[in-house]
Amino acid sequence: MAIASGIQRERAAAGWSMAELARRAGIAKSTLSQLEAGTGNPSVETLWALATALGIPFARLLGGGEVEVTVVRAGEGATVPSDSADYAATLLTAAPPGVRRDVYRVDAEPGSRRESTAHPPGTLEHVFVCAGRALVGPVDRSVTLDAGDFITYAGDAPHVFEALESGTRAVLISEQR
């Protein structure tokens, strides 16, 4: 229900109808209706499209907010799978009001490529590979990273994350300027 209320809250804040948000995000109005009713099962692509259309950080749709101390144990957290790759993003911490930064744990397996469309202008992504090996970065300039490697790139252009080894895990920080 956190996703449903997050979408409703952000759509209302934008002053848009369901039809308008669906149109801007490029999704079916029926899909948006199901998500807002809490009966849909959104993919990471659908939520990114909604966040991009609304011009907000992805985490605001997951109900991320401020807390003084937060512990997210392995296997916990709001996880959203991709419907185009063996890739799942788990929100670890959301940016508080006035700060535009979210932190995710990415778990991915080889055999499928997660291509992301451009996020809002000014978005930077920072990726630290914790385990495994991955191809990461802008679609036209992606780099192979091993465990312990780090990359920063513009998230406001198409980009990719592709696991090259089983058990690939990374930390992704999305920052909007």
Protein backbone atom coordinates (compact mmCIF):
# COMPACT_ATOMS: atom_id res chain seq x y z
CA MET A 1 0.00 0.00 0.00
CA ALA A 2 2.99 2.35 0.40
CA ILE A 3 3.39 2.49 -3.39
CA ALA A 4 -0.35 3.12 -3.91
CA SER A 5 -0.43 5.98 -1.43
CA GLY A 6 2.86 7.38 -2.77
CA ILE A 7 1.50 7.54 -6.32
CA GLN A 8 -1.77 9.09 -5.14
CA ARG A 9 0.05 11.65 -2.97
CA GLU A 10 2.47 12.72 -5.71
CA ARG A 11 -0.20 12.85 -8.43
CA ALA A 12 -2.38 15.03 -6.18
CA ALA A 13 0.59 17.29 -5.39
CA ALA A 14 1.13 17.75 -9.14
CA GLY A 15 -2.57 18.54 -9.57
CA TRP A 16 -2.97 15.94 -12.32
CA SER A 17 -5.78 13.57 -13.14
CA MET A 18 -5.04 9.86 -13.52
CA ALA A 19 -5.39 10.25 -17.27
CA GLU A 20 -2.82 13.07 -17.34
CA LEU A 21 -0.23 11.19 -15.27
CA ALA A 22 -0.74 8.01 -17.31
CA ARG A 23 -0.30 9.97 -20.54
CA ARG A 24 2.87 11.72 -19.34
CA ALA A 25 4.34 8.46 -18.03
CA GLY A 26 3.42 6.51 -21.16
CA ILE A 27 1.43 3.87 -19.29
CA ALA A 28 -2.18 2.73 -19.54
CA LYS A 29 -4.68 4.56 -17.34
CA SER A 30 -6.00 1.15 -16.22
CA THR A 31 -2.50 0.24 -15.00
CA LEU A 32 -2.27 3.48 -13.02
CA SER A 33 -5.73 2.89 -11.58
CA GLN A 34 -4.69 -0.58 -10.38
CA LEU A 35 -1.50 0.80 -8.84
CA GLU A 36 -3.34 3.54 -6.98
CA ALA A 37 -5.90 0.99 -5.76
CA GLY A 38 -3.08 -1.17 -4.42
CA THR A 39 -4.03 -4.10 -6.64
CA GLY A 40 -1.31 -3.74 -9.28
CA ASN A 41 2.20 -5.20 -9.17
CA PRO A 42 4.42 -2.50 -10.70
CA SER A 43 7.74 -3.14 -12.38
CA VAL A 44 10.73 -0.91 -11.79
CA GLU A 45 10.25 0.45 -15.33
CA THR A 46 6.66 1.55 -14.57
CA LEU A 47 7.66 3.25 -11.32
CA TRP A 48 10.61 5.01 -12.99
CA ALA A 49 8.28 6.24 -15.74
CA LEU A 50 5.88 7.63 -13.13
CA ALA A 51 8.67 9.27 -11.11
CA THR A 52 10.18 10.80 -14.24
CA ALA A 53 6.81 12.14 -15.38
CA LEU A 54 6.25 13.65 -11.92
CA GLY A 55 9.83 15.00 -11.75
CA ILE A 56 10.46 13.36 -8.37
CA PRO A 57 12.95 10.86 -6.96
CA PHE A 58 11.87 7.24 -7.50
CA ALA A 59 11.90 6.57 -3.74
CA ARG A 60 9.06 9.00 -3.05
CA LEU A 61 6.74 6.53 -4.79
CA LEU A 62 7.91 3.77 -2.43
CA GLY A 63 6.96 5.75 0.66
CA GLY A 64 10.53 6.58 1.65
CA GLY A 65 10.83 9.28 4.26
CA GLU A 66 12.79 10.67 7.19
CA VAL A 67 13.85 8.64 10.22
CA GLU A 68 16.72 9.10 12.66
CA VAL A 69 18.01 5.52 12.64
CA THR A 70 17.06 2.97 10.01
CA VAL A 71 18.33 -0.57 9.65
CA VAL A 72 17.51 -2.53 6.51
CA ARG A 73 18.51 -6.15 6.99
CA ALA A 74 19.53 -8.32 4.04
CA GLY A 75 16.37 -9.60 2.39
CA GLU A 76 14.25 -6.72 3.70
CA GLY A 77 13.17 -3.42 2.19
CA ALA A 78 10.83 -2.28 -0.55
CA THR A 79 12.02 -4.32 -3.54
CA VAL A 80 10.83 -3.73 -7.08
CA PRO A 81 11.78 -6.23 -9.81
CA SER A 82 12.40 -5.43 -13.45
CA ASP A 83 10.14 -7.02 -16.03
CA SER A 84 12.88 -6.90 -18.68
CA ALA A 85 15.91 -8.28 -16.79
CA ASP A 86 16.88 -10.45 -13.81
CA TYR A 87 17.33 -7.25 -11.78
CA ALA A 88 15.72 -5.98 -8.59
CA ALA A 89 16.22 -2.64 -6.82
CA THR A 90 15.67 -2.44 -3.05
CA LEU A 91 15.26 0.99 -1.49
CA LEU A 92 17.76 1.33 1.36
CA THR A 93 17.15 4.98 2.21
CA ALA A 94 15.10 7.75 0.71
CA ALA A 95 16.11 11.37 0.61
CA PRO A 96 14.44 13.60 3.18
CA PRO A 97 12.55 16.70 2.00
CA GLY A 98 14.86 19.18 0.32
CA VAL A 99 17.46 16.51 -0.52
CA ARG A 100 17.29 14.66 -3.80
CA ARG A 101 19.24 11.47 -3.21
CA ASP A 102 18.13 7.85 -2.82
CA VAL A 103 20.17 4.72 -2.10
CA TYR A 104 19.32 1.25 -3.46
CA ARG A 105 20.78 -2.24 -3.30
CA VAL A 106 20.77 -3.89 -6.73
CA ASP A 107 20.73 -7.67 -7.08
CA ALA A 108 21.18 -8.94 -10.62
CA GLU A 109 21.94 -12.13 -12.48
CA PRO A 110 23.58 -12.65 -15.87
CA GLY A 111 21.57 -13.29 -19.00
CA SER A 112 19.53 -10.12 -19.19
CA ARG A 113 20.37 -6.46 -19.57
CA ARG A 114 18.57 -3.72 -17.59
CA GLU A 115 18.38 -0.65 -19.82
CA SER A 116 17.00 2.49 -18.21
CA THR A 117 15.53 5.43 -20.03
CA ALA A 118 16.66 8.93 -19.14
CA HIS A 119 15.66 10.17 -15.67
CA PRO A 120 14.86 13.86 -14.99
CA PRO A 121 17.49 16.42 -16.09
CA GLY A 122 20.40 16.76 -13.69
CA THR A 123 20.19 13.18 -12.39
CA LEU A 124 23.52 11.52 -11.54
CA GLU A 125 23.90 7.86 -10.70
CA HIS A 126 26.74 6.46 -8.60
CA VAL A 127 27.27 2.69 -8.57
CA PHE A 128 29.56 0.68 -6.30
CA VAL A 129 29.83 -3.01 -7.19
CA CYS A 130 29.93 -5.05 -3.97
CA ALA A 131 30.03 -8.57 -5.45
CA GLY A 132 30.29 -10.08 -8.90
CA ARG A 133 30.90 -8.18 -12.09
CA ALA A 134 28.70 -5.85 -14.16
CA LEU A 135 28.53 -3.70 -17.26
CA VAL A 136 27.37 -0.27 -16.03
CA GLY A 137 26.96 3.27 -17.32
CA PRO A 138 25.70 5.19 -20.33
CA VAL A 139 24.49 2.88 -23.10
CA ASP A 140 27.14 4.20 -25.50
CA ARG A 141 29.99 4.32 -22.92
CA SER A 142 29.30 1.52 -20.42
CA VAL A 143 32.22 0.10 -18.44
CA THR A 144 32.90 -3.37 -17.01
CA LEU A 145 33.21 -3.12 -13.22
CA ASP A 146 34.51 -5.74 -10.79
CA ALA A 147 33.71 -6.03 -7.08
CA GLY A 148 35.12 -2.93 -5.37
CA ASP A 149 34.87 -0.70 -8.46
CA PHE A 150 32.83 2.53 -8.54
CA ILE A 151 31.35 4.65 -11.35
CA THR A 152 29.47 7.95 -11.64
CA TYR A 153 27.53 8.89 -14.77
CA ALA A 154 24.68 11.06 -15.99
CA GLY A 155 21.36 9.33 -15.27
CA ASP A 156 19.50 11.79 -17.50
CA ALA A 157 20.58 9.80 -20.57
CA PRO A 158 19.85 6.13 -21.38
CA HIS A 159 22.01 3.82 -19.26
CA VAL A 160 22.54 0.13 -18.54
CA PHE A 161 23.22 -2.34 -15.74
CA GLU A 162 24.06 -5.88 -16.85
CA ALA A 163 25.30 -8.55 -14.46
CA LEU A 164 28.22 -10.50 -15.91
CA GLU A 165 28.56 -12.96 -13.01
CA SER A 166 26.08 -14.81 -10.84
CA GLY A 167 25.38 -13.12 -7.50
CA THR A 168 26.17 -9.60 -8.69
CA ARG A 169 25.25 -7.03 -6.06
CA ALA A 170 25.76 -3.27 -6.15
CA VAL A 171 24.82 -0.10 -4.31
CA LEU A 172 23.16 2.52 -6.53
CA ILE A 173 22.85 6.14 -5.42
CA SER A 174 20.51 8.29 -7.50
CA GLU A 175 21.07 12.01 -7.05
CA GLN A 176 19.06 14.80 -8.60
CA ARG A 177 20.57 18.27 -8.81
